[in-house]
């Protein structure tokens, strides 16, 4: 099942992430949103920083992976590594699915 999480940075932009979980790791990661990335061609770097990450990481560890994956000179504007990490954490939180199933 494909997972999706979003985060709207206060005073900033929306950042979203989609991925599959394979062997307790993030796979086929896609990052989208209305944030700005300079240069735009660096967008795959954000996905690549999260690809293969264990689902057991916490918010700070996901943010550190994103930060470490951004090459020098690449700017993430309107969001942050922590914003993307928050979107990942929201995608991993399945408690809403159980609540939704109870309503049926």
C-alpha atoms as a PDB file:
ATOM      1  CA  UNK A   1       0.000   0.000   0.000  1.00  0.00           C
ATOM      2  CA  UNK A   2       1.308   3.430  -0.974  1.00  0.00           C
ATOM      3  CA  UNK A   3       1.702   5.878   1.919  1.00  0.00           C
ATOM      4  CA  UNK A   4       1.333   9.676   1.699  1.00  0.00           C
ATOM      5  CA  UNK A   5       2.062  12.419   4.199  1.00  0.00           C
ATOM      6  CA  UNK A   6       1.875  16.204   3.972  1.00  0.00           C
ATOM      7  CA  UNK A   7       3.085  19.146   6.005  1.00  0.00           C
ATOM      8  CA  UNK A   8       2.292  22.839   5.561  1.00  0.00           C
ATOM      9  CA  UNK A   9       5.164  24.848   6.953  1.00  0.00           C
ATOM     10  CA  UNK A  10       3.789  27.699   9.091  1.00  0.00           C
ATOM     11  CA  UNK A  11       4.173  30.828   6.971  1.00  0.00           C
ATOM     12  CA  UNK A  12       5.603  28.652   4.224  1.00  0.00           C
ATOM     13  CA  UNK A  13       4.645  26.060   1.670  1.00  0.00           C
ATOM     14  CA  UNK A  14       3.222  22.553   1.446  1.00  0.00           C
ATOM     15  CA  UNK A  15       5.614  19.620   1.169  1.00  0.00           C
ATOM     16  CA  UNK A  16       4.381  16.070   0.593  1.00  0.00           C
ATOM     17  CA  UNK A  17       5.932  12.636   0.310  1.00  0.00           C
ATOM     18  CA  UNK A  18       4.711   9.318  -1.053  1.00  0.00           C
ATOM     19  CA  UNK A  19       6.417   5.961  -0.679  1.00  0.00           C
ATOM     20  CA  UNK A  20       5.982   2.229  -0.339  1.00  0.00           C
ATOM     21  CA  UNK A  21       7.295   0.243   2.585  1.00  0.00           C
ATOM     22  CA  UNK A  22       9.383  -2.765   1.592  1.00  0.00           C
ATOM     23  CA  UNK A  23      11.220  -4.798   4.247  1.00  0.00           C
ATOM     24  CA  UNK A  24      10.646  -2.027   6.832  1.00  0.00           C
ATOM     25  CA  UNK A  25      12.272   0.623   4.601  1.00  0.00           C
ATOM     26  CA  UNK A  26      10.992   3.500   2.456  1.00  0.00           C
ATOM     27  CA  UNK A  27      11.003   2.712  -1.275  1.00  0.00           C
ATOM     28  CA  UNK A  28       9.866   4.463  -4.458  1.00  0.00           C
ATOM     29  CA  UNK A  29       9.974   7.797  -2.607  1.00  0.00           C
ATOM     30  CA  UNK A  30       8.458  10.805  -4.405  1.00  0.00           C
ATOM     31  CA  UNK A  31       8.561  14.318  -2.932  1.00  0.00           C
ATOM     32  CA  UNK A  32       6.089  16.936  -4.175  1.00  0.00           C
ATOM     33  CA  UNK A  33       4.547  20.205  -3.024  1.00  0.00           C
ATOM     34  CA  UNK A  34       4.452  23.911  -3.679  1.00  0.00           C
ATOM     35  CA  UNK A  35       7.812  24.643  -2.030  1.00  0.00           C
ATOM     36  CA  UNK A  36      10.763  25.943  -4.008  1.00  0.00           C
ATOM     37  CA  UNK A  37      14.012  24.145  -4.631  1.00  0.00           C
ATOM     38  CA  UNK A  38      16.965  25.825  -6.271  1.00  0.00           C
ATOM     39  CA  UNK A  39      18.080  24.515  -8.629  1.00  0.00           C
ATOM     40  CA  UNK A  40      14.874  22.669  -9.558  1.00  0.00           C
ATOM     41  CA  UNK A  41      16.898  19.827 -11.037  1.00  0.00           C
ATOM     42  CA  UNK A  42      17.891  18.853  -7.496  1.00  0.00           C
ATOM     43  CA  UNK A  43      14.388  17.528  -6.679  1.00  0.00           C
ATOM     44  CA  UNK A  44      15.462  13.861  -7.027  1.00  0.00           C
ATOM     45  CA  UNK A  45      18.015  14.532  -4.262  1.00  0.00           C
ATOM     46  CA  UNK A  46      15.186  14.905  -1.725  1.00  0.00           C
ATOM     47  CA  UNK A  47      13.671  11.567  -2.705  1.00  0.00           C
ATOM     48  CA  UNK A  48      17.084   9.948  -2.810  1.00  0.00           C
ATOM     49  CA  UNK A  49      17.905  11.100   0.706  1.00  0.00           C
ATOM     50  CA  UNK A  50      14.913   9.134   2.003  1.00  0.00           C
ATOM     51  CA  UNK A  51      15.102   6.112  -0.294  1.00  0.00           C
ATOM     52  CA  UNK A  52      15.910   3.008   1.744  1.00  0.00           C
ATOM     53  CA  UNK A  53      15.532   4.760   5.109  1.00  0.00           C
ATOM     54  CA  UNK A  54      14.336   2.445   7.869  1.00  0.00           C
ATOM     55  CA  UNK A  55      10.784   3.115   9.068  1.00  0.00           C
ATOM     56  CA  UNK A  56      12.115   3.084  12.654  1.00  0.00           C
ATOM     57  CA  UNK A  57      13.865   6.457  12.339  1.00  0.00           C
ATOM     58  CA  UNK A  58      12.484   9.398  14.281  1.00  0.00           C
ATOM     59  CA  UNK A  59      11.744  12.901  12.993  1.00  0.00           C
ATOM     60  CA  UNK A  60      15.248  14.219  13.737  1.00  0.00           C
ATOM     61  CA  UNK A  61      16.887  11.253  12.012  1.00  0.00           C
ATOM     62  CA  UNK A  62      14.752  11.667   8.870  1.00  0.00           C
ATOM     63  CA  UNK A  63      15.550  15.410   8.846  1.00  0.00           C
ATOM     64  CA  UNK A  64      19.276  14.646   9.241  1.00  0.00           C
ATOM     65  CA  UNK A  65      19.138  12.311   6.220  1.00  0.00           C
ATOM     66  CA  UNK A  66      17.502  15.043   4.128  1.00  0.00           C
ATOM     67  CA  UNK A  67      19.967  17.683   5.319  1.00  0.00           C
ATOM     68  CA  UNK A  68      22.942  15.404   4.629  1.00  0.00           C
ATOM     69  CA  UNK A  69      21.578  14.578   1.169  1.00  0.00           C
ATOM     70  CA  UNK A  70      21.317  18.206   0.036  1.00  0.00           C
ATOM     71  CA  UNK A  71      24.439  19.108  -1.923  1.00  0.00           C
ATOM     72  CA  UNK A  72      26.186  22.387  -1.201  1.00  0.00           C
ATOM     73  CA  UNK A  73      24.481  25.227  -3.041  1.00  0.00           C
ATOM     74  CA  UNK A  74      21.029  23.590  -3.146  1.00  0.00           C
ATOM     75  CA  UNK A  75      18.387  25.693  -1.391  1.00  0.00           C
ATOM     76  CA  UNK A  76      15.074  24.401  -0.040  1.00  0.00           C
ATOM     77  CA  UNK A  77      12.790  27.447   0.207  1.00  0.00           C
ATOM     78  CA  UNK A  78       9.369  27.558   1.840  1.00  0.00           C
ATOM     79  CA  UNK A  79       9.983  24.345   3.765  1.00  0.00           C
ATOM     80  CA  UNK A  80      12.821  22.546   5.520  1.00  0.00           C
ATOM     81  CA  UNK A  81      14.327  19.123   6.131  1.00  0.00           C
ATOM     82  CA  UNK A  82      12.203  19.035   9.301  1.00  0.00           C
ATOM     83  CA  UNK A  83       9.082  19.789   7.253  1.00  0.00           C
ATOM     84  CA  UNK A  84       9.794  16.874   4.939  1.00  0.00           C
ATOM     85  CA  UNK A  85      10.563  14.658   7.931  1.00  0.00           C
ATOM     86  CA  UNK A  86       7.207  15.626   9.440  1.00  0.00           C
ATOM     87  CA  UNK A  87       5.459  14.602   6.209  1.00  0.00           C
ATOM     88  CA  UNK A  88       7.250  11.233   6.393  1.00  0.00           C
ATOM     89  CA  UNK A  89       6.196  10.742  10.007  1.00  0.00           C
ATOM     90  CA  UNK A  90       2.596  11.543   9.092  1.00  0.00           C
ATOM     91  CA  UNK A  91       2.705   9.005   6.267  1.00  0.00           C
ATOM     92  CA  UNK A  92       3.992   6.376   8.698  1.00  0.00           C
ATOM     93  CA  UNK A  93       1.248   7.110  11.256  1.00  0.00           C
ATOM     94  CA  UNK A  94      -1.538   4.660  10.477  1.00  0.00           C
ATOM     95  CA  UNK A  95      -3.694   5.438  13.511  1.00  0.00           C
ATOM     96  CA  UNK A  96      -6.127   7.400  11.302  1.00  0.00           C
ATOM     97  CA  UNK A  97      -6.697   4.264   9.182  1.00  0.00           C
ATOM     98  CA  UNK A  98      -7.846   2.294  12.207  1.00  0.00           C
ATOM     99  CA  UNK A  99     -10.173   5.138  13.253  1.00  0.00           C
ATOM    100  CA  UNK A 100     -11.588   5.329   9.727  1.00  0.00           C
ATOM    101  CA  UNK A 101     -12.184   1.560   9.649  1.00  0.00           C
ATOM    102  CA  UNK A 102     -14.182   1.812  12.894  1.00  0.00           C
ATOM    103  CA  UNK A 103     -16.581   4.252  11.203  1.00  0.00           C
ATOM    104  CA  UNK A 104     -17.637   1.709   8.563  1.00  0.00           C
END
